[in-house]
Amino acid sequence: MDDYRSIRISALAEEDRPREKLLLRGKAQLTDAELIAILIGSGSRNLSAVDLSKYILQSVNNDLAQLARLSVNDLKKFKGIGEAKAISIVSALELGRRRKGAEPQKKAKITSSADVYALMRPELLDEAVEYFYVLFLNRSNVVIKKQLISQGGTSATIADPKLIFKFGMEYLASAIILVHNHPSGNLKPSSADISLTKRLCLVGKNLELPVLDHVIFTDVGYFSFADESMI
């Protein structure tokens, strides 16, 4: 990388500088690398901000979803990216993720496992540790509340039945759907997943608060206990 020769942003024609290009042509005209270059402001001794951004993107196959998985420490491994620049990149990607989840939407109605997967993408996409959520539904299967129950490590999390059904009573729910993610991308439920599901289904039946499904979320797909006739 030290032998790579490239000109600095300040030496480019005005219409080719990322900040000026945004003002002149609009944000949609900028490449991903140019947008990242604006975030980091400057490159390294031998790389412009744009070239450094291209190098970072190439390391994740130009996939923004993979880029969003990188931590501050991961980004600091690139020459020219210090802590401040790394924090800027991570913060911008997190804002984008939150914005998707904050867009005004009418209350979601669950008609299939695909609806559950789509509903949970803003919370679980790109996450590196496990999170356990419960969707509390009314009699029409409209989501009353999307409740985080717990978060754990890279391979496991804990779901307390007492806490889950306590929330269910508080929200006056008529049914619940369990959701947790597998950061590994493995769609197959573990023996612990199966055991927990059976236990929660039994408690829900006794409390007349049925568990309709347990969906295992990954970035590339999902597994539904209901679809596989395991509930």
Protein backbone atom coordinates (compact mmCIF):
# COMPACT_ATOMS: atom_id res chain seq x y z
CA MET A 1 0.00 0.00 0.00
CA ASP A 2 2.94 2.35 0.60
CA ASP A 3 3.91 2.13 -3.08
CA TYR A 4 0.46 3.07 -4.31
CA ARG A 5 0.55 6.56 -5.81
CA SER A 6 -2.65 8.62 -5.80
CA ILE A 7 -3.48 12.29 -5.72
CA ARG A 8 -5.06 14.03 -2.77
CA ILE A 9 -8.64 15.28 -2.80
CA SER A 10 -7.38 18.88 -2.72
CA ALA A 11 -5.64 18.31 -6.06
CA LEU A 12 -8.72 17.01 -7.83
CA ALA A 13 -11.01 19.06 -10.04
CA GLU A 14 -13.69 20.64 -7.87
CA GLU A 15 -16.49 18.53 -9.34
CA ASP A 16 -14.57 15.37 -8.41
CA ARG A 17 -14.07 16.17 -4.73
CA PRO A 18 -16.62 14.24 -2.61
CA ARG A 19 -17.88 17.21 -0.56
CA GLU A 20 -18.09 19.51 -3.57
CA LYS A 21 -19.57 16.73 -5.69
CA LEU A 22 -22.32 16.24 -3.11
CA LEU A 23 -23.15 19.95 -3.22
CA LEU A 24 -22.99 20.20 -7.01
CA ARG A 25 -24.63 16.94 -8.03
CA GLY A 26 -26.48 15.67 -4.96
CA LYS A 27 -25.81 12.85 -2.50
CA ALA A 28 -27.19 10.13 -4.78
CA GLN A 29 -24.36 10.74 -7.27
CA LEU A 30 -21.63 9.79 -4.81
CA THR A 31 -20.17 6.31 -4.67
CA ASP A 32 -19.98 4.41 -1.37
CA ALA A 33 -16.25 5.16 -1.26
CA GLU A 34 -16.85 8.87 -1.73
CA LEU A 35 -19.42 8.94 1.06
CA ILE A 36 -17.01 7.18 3.41
CA ALA A 37 -14.26 9.59 2.32
CA ILE A 38 -16.41 12.48 3.52
CA LEU A 39 -16.73 10.76 6.90
CA ILE A 40 -13.00 10.23 7.38
CA GLY A 41 -11.96 13.58 5.89
CA SER A 42 -8.40 12.62 4.95
CA GLY A 43 -6.43 9.58 3.92
CA SER A 44 -2.95 8.35 4.68
CA ARG A 45 0.41 9.65 3.44
CA ASN A 46 0.14 7.79 0.14
CA LEU A 47 -3.62 7.33 -0.22
CA SER A 48 -6.33 9.93 -0.63
CA ALA A 49 -9.45 9.60 1.50
CA VAL A 50 -11.31 8.18 -1.51
CA ASP A 51 -8.61 5.60 -2.24
CA LEU A 52 -8.40 4.60 1.41
CA SER A 53 -12.19 4.20 1.46
CA LYS A 54 -12.03 2.04 -1.67
CA TYR A 55 -9.38 -0.12 -0.01
CA ILE A 56 -11.58 -0.60 3.08
CA LEU A 57 -14.59 -1.49 0.93
CA GLN A 58 -12.56 -3.94 -1.14
CA SER A 59 -11.60 -5.73 2.08
CA VAL A 60 -15.30 -6.51 2.66
CA ASN A 61 -16.06 -7.27 -1.00
CA ASN A 62 -17.75 -3.87 -1.37
CA ASP A 63 -20.53 -5.12 0.89
CA LEU A 64 -21.90 -2.45 3.25
CA ALA A 65 -23.52 -5.13 5.39
CA GLN A 66 -20.08 -6.65 6.02
CA LEU A 67 -18.65 -3.19 6.65
CA ALA A 68 -21.32 -2.62 9.30
CA ARG A 69 -20.02 -5.67 11.17
CA LEU A 70 -16.55 -4.19 11.63
CA SER A 71 -15.75 -2.78 15.04
CA VAL A 72 -13.72 0.33 15.83
CA ASN A 73 -10.70 -1.88 16.46
CA ASP A 74 -11.21 -3.71 13.15
CA LEU A 75 -11.22 -0.42 11.25
CA LYS A 76 -8.15 0.89 13.09
CA LYS A 77 -6.14 -1.91 11.48
CA PHE A 78 -6.24 0.03 8.20
CA LYS A 79 -3.30 2.40 7.85
CA GLY A 80 -4.67 5.94 7.97
CA ILE A 81 -7.71 5.06 10.09
CA GLY A 82 -7.35 6.18 13.69
CA GLU A 83 -9.89 5.91 16.46
CA ALA A 84 -11.75 9.11 15.53
CA LYS A 85 -12.19 8.07 11.89
CA ALA A 86 -13.20 4.55 12.88
CA ILE A 87 -15.81 5.91 15.28
CA SER A 88 -17.19 8.15 12.51
CA ILE A 89 -17.67 5.17 10.18
CA VAL A 90 -19.26 2.97 12.86
CA SER A 91 -21.55 5.80 13.99
CA ALA A 92 -22.73 6.58 10.45
CA LEU A 93 -23.58 2.95 9.74
CA GLU A 94 -25.41 2.63 13.05
CA LEU A 95 -27.45 5.75 12.28
CA GLY A 96 -28.43 4.22 8.95
CA ARG A 97 -29.54 1.03 10.69
CA ARG A 98 -31.57 2.95 13.27
CA ARG A 99 -33.16 5.12 10.62
CA LYS A 100 -34.60 2.02 8.95
CA GLY A 101 -36.14 0.99 12.23
CA ALA A 102 -37.50 4.46 12.98
CA GLU A 103 -39.42 5.00 9.77
CA PRO A 104 -43.11 5.57 10.54
CA GLN A 105 -45.08 2.39 10.08
CA LYS A 106 -48.53 1.23 10.94
CA LYS A 107 -48.67 -1.55 13.52
CA ALA A 108 -47.42 -4.75 11.97
CA LYS A 109 -49.73 -7.70 11.54
CA ILE A 110 -48.10 -11.12 11.55
CA THR A 111 -49.46 -13.51 8.94
CA SER A 112 -46.36 -15.64 8.38
CA SER A 113 -42.81 -16.29 9.53
CA ALA A 114 -41.62 -14.04 6.69
CA ASP A 115 -43.45 -11.14 8.36
CA VAL A 116 -41.54 -11.84 11.58
CA TYR A 117 -38.22 -11.90 9.75
CA ALA A 118 -38.92 -8.60 7.99
CA LEU A 119 -40.08 -6.97 11.23
CA MET A 120 -36.94 -7.97 13.11
CA ARG A 121 -34.35 -6.95 10.49
CA PRO A 122 -33.80 -3.44 11.95
CA GLU A 123 -33.02 -4.94 15.37
CA LEU A 124 -31.00 -8.01 14.43
CA LEU A 125 -29.26 -7.36 11.12
CA ASP A 126 -25.44 -7.20 11.43
CA GLU A 127 -25.46 -8.00 15.16
CA ALA A 128 -22.41 -9.91 16.41
CA VAL A 129 -23.96 -11.27 19.63
CA GLU A 130 -27.22 -13.07 20.34
CA TYR A 131 -30.37 -11.16 21.23
CA PHE A 132 -33.64 -12.70 22.38
CA TYR A 133 -36.85 -10.82 21.56
CA VAL A 134 -40.51 -11.59 22.05
CA LEU A 135 -43.32 -10.24 19.89
CA PHE A 136 -46.53 -9.77 21.87
CA LEU A 137 -49.67 -9.99 19.73
CA ASN A 138 -53.33 -9.13 20.15
CA ARG A 139 -56.20 -11.36 19.04
CA SER A 140 -55.80 -10.16 15.45
CA ASN A 141 -52.08 -11.04 15.44
CA VAL A 142 -51.16 -7.35 15.37
CA VAL A 143 -47.91 -6.64 17.22
CA ILE A 144 -48.56 -4.86 20.51
CA LYS A 145 -44.92 -4.74 21.54
CA LYS A 146 -41.51 -5.85 20.30
CA GLN A 147 -39.68 -6.58 23.57
CA LEU A 148 -35.98 -7.29 24.08
CA ILE A 149 -35.67 -9.99 26.76
CA SER A 150 -31.92 -10.53 26.93
CA GLN A 151 -28.64 -10.41 25.09
CA GLY A 152 -25.72 -12.74 25.43
CA GLY A 153 -22.46 -13.76 23.85
CA THR A 154 -21.63 -14.89 20.35
CA SER A 155 -23.31 -18.28 20.77
CA ALA A 156 -25.95 -18.09 23.48
CA THR A 157 -28.40 -15.92 25.36
CA ILE A 158 -30.82 -16.51 28.23
CA ALA A 159 -34.60 -16.26 28.03
CA ASP A 160 -36.30 -16.21 31.44
CA PRO A 161 -39.85 -17.64 31.15
CA LYS A 162 -41.01 -15.66 34.20
CA LEU A 163 -39.92 -12.39 32.59
CA ILE A 164 -41.45 -13.26 29.21
CA PHE A 165 -44.88 -14.11 30.58
CA LYS A 166 -44.79 -11.21 33.04
CA PHE A 167 -44.49 -8.88 30.04
CA GLY A 168 -47.26 -10.83 28.31
CA MET A 169 -49.64 -10.18 31.19
CA GLU A 170 -48.69 -6.51 31.40
CA TYR A 171 -49.32 -5.97 27.66
CA LEU A 172 -52.56 -7.99 27.78
CA ALA A 173 -51.22 -10.08 24.92
CA SER A 174 -53.17 -12.93 23.36
CA ALA A 175 -50.18 -14.75 21.88
CA ILE A 176 -46.42 -14.47 21.59
CA ILE A 177 -43.70 -15.18 19.05
CA LEU A 178 -40.12 -15.88 20.12
CA VAL A 179 -37.24 -14.51 18.06
CA HIS A 180 -33.50 -14.77 18.51
CA ASN A 181 -30.53 -14.44 16.20
CA HIS A 182 -27.61 -16.69 15.35
CA PRO A 183 -24.62 -14.42 14.58
CA SER A 184 -22.82 -17.46 13.15
CA GLY A 185 -25.37 -17.63 10.33
CA ASN A 186 -26.29 -21.21 11.26
CA LEU A 187 -30.01 -21.71 10.63
CA LYS A 188 -30.24 -25.01 12.49
CA PRO A 189 -31.77 -24.76 16.00
CA SER A 190 -29.55 -26.02 18.79
CA SER A 191 -30.70 -28.58 21.33
CA ALA A 192 -30.96 -25.69 23.81
CA ASP A 193 -33.19 -23.78 21.36
CA ILE A 194 -35.48 -26.78 21.01
CA SER A 195 -35.62 -27.43 24.75
CA LEU A 196 -36.37 -23.78 25.54
CA THR A 197 -39.10 -23.65 22.91
CA LYS A 198 -40.83 -26.73 24.31
CA ARG A 199 -40.64 -25.31 27.83
CA LEU A 200 -42.08 -21.92 26.83
CA CYS A 201 -44.83 -23.55 24.77
CA LEU A 202 -45.88 -25.60 27.80
CA VAL A 203 -45.94 -22.54 30.09
CA GLY A 204 -47.83 -20.54 27.48
CA LYS A 205 -50.44 -23.27 27.10
CA ASN A 206 -51.01 -23.36 30.86
CA LEU A 207 -51.36 -19.57 30.99
CA GLU A 208 -53.55 -19.42 27.86
CA LEU A 209 -50.88 -17.28 26.21
CA PRO A 210 -49.78 -19.53 23.35
CA VAL A 211 -46.40 -19.44 21.66
CA LEU A 212 -47.19 -19.27 17.95
CA ASP A 213 -43.65 -19.55 16.60
CA HIS A 214 -39.97 -19.34 17.40
CA VAL A 215 -37.95 -17.73 14.61
CA ILE A 216 -34.17 -18.02 14.40
CA PHE A 217 -32.84 -14.96 12.58
CA THR A 218 -29.65 -14.77 10.50
CA ASP A 219 -28.51 -12.09 8.06
CA VAL A 220 -29.20 -14.40 5.10
CA GLY A 221 -32.37 -16.18 6.15
CA TYR A 222 -34.35 -17.67 9.01
CA PHE A 223 -35.69 -20.84 10.57
CA SER A 224 -39.30 -21.08 11.77
CA PHE A 225 -40.33 -23.73 14.31
CA ALA A 226 -43.95 -23.33 13.18
CA ASP A 227 -43.11 -23.78 9.50
CA GLU A 228 -41.21 -26.96 10.36
CA SER A 229 -44.13 -28.26 12.51
CA MET A 230 -41.98 -28.15 15.65
CA ILE A 231 -44.61 -26.16 17.59
